[in-house]
Every structure is written in C-alpha cells, then in structure tokens.
Amino acid sequence: MLVSRLTLSGLTLFATLLATACTSPSAAPPETEAPATESVEPETDEPTPSTEPAATEPAATQTPQSVVTRTGVFASAEHETTGNVTLTSDNGQQTLVFDGAFATSDGPDLVVVLHRSANVIAESEPPAYPLDEADYVVVAPLTATTGTQEYVVPAEIDLSAFESVAIWCQAFNATFGAAPLQ
C-alpha cells in the first residue's frame, strides 16, 4: 500500500510540476513578432526611391504588339483543308499565322500563296482548282501539313492586291484549300 501511495504522490507531483512549467512565463515560447520600432529617415530635399514615381518609356520607343490586320478560314478544294489563318503586322513586318487547327493533305511541292481572288475555289475548275500564274504570288514552301506555323510575307509583296491565302501544289497546279481574307 505504501508503494501505491508513493507512486500516486509522485505522479501528482510530476503532473503539478509539468502544469506549472507549461504556464510559467519563463517557459513560454518567444514571441514571433518583433517589437514595433519607428523608422527615422534622414531629412533631405531629394525624393527617396520609395516615393519617386516609376519612370516610363515614351510610347514611341516601346515595342508594339502584333496587330491582327485580316483573318480567314480555310475551305477544302482538291484535298481536305481546315483551320484558320491570321495576317499580323508587327513593326512593319507582315506574317501569315496558321492556327493549331490547320490541317491539309501531304503532297509534292506544296507552297503557301497569296491570291488576288477572294474566292479561289469558286473561280477555278474542279477537281484540281488550278491557278492562273498572273493571279497569285508564292510566299513560302509549306513547312508542315498540320498545326501552328508562321510565314513572313516578303516586304516587296503589296498585300492590298491579294484577297486570299491558298495551299497550292506547284507540281500539279492543284489548289488543296484556300482562305478568303476579311
């Protein structure tokens, strides 16, 4: 019985010491916030970097964003052709941009052309939809039959003379698809 009382007394003493240690101010964890101090800046007549307005460049020296000037949706001719084309202008450079939905068939000697007609397909004869040499200008060889791609329009091409973009096979004078530019 004596052992039980000692054990019980020891546990009570331990619990009391533990409770006292946890609530004692000296055992409390340090504060995480630093005490507030007043910042004193030296007095000068010059503005400090934090109060000086941010400098901005004049608009004339900023690089302009690409501006969409015309757009079109591809329609199929001799081969199924889908997707969209956008004509953009960036600092005087004109670029034809085919979107990720662009797709056409594979073929020999495929090129991207600008055509004078807004409706190349209606103005040519199936099944090949051939082009008349006087009505188009080649921009560049087609780099891929699917997906996003860009073609810089040579500066010597007067875009105001052309109304559509076409995918054309030079080897067989066959138009795969065309997009009127709006």
Foldseek 3Di string as FASTA:
>chain_A
DVVVVVVVVVVVVVVVVVVCLVPPPVNDDDDPDDDDDDDDDDDDPDDDPVPDDDDDDPPVPDFDDKDFDWKWFKCFALWGWTFMWTWTAGPNWTKIKTAQATATDDDAQKFKKFFQDLCQRVPADPDFSADDPVTIDTQGHDPDRGGIDMTIGPNVDDCVRGFKMFIAHPVVRGTGIIIGID
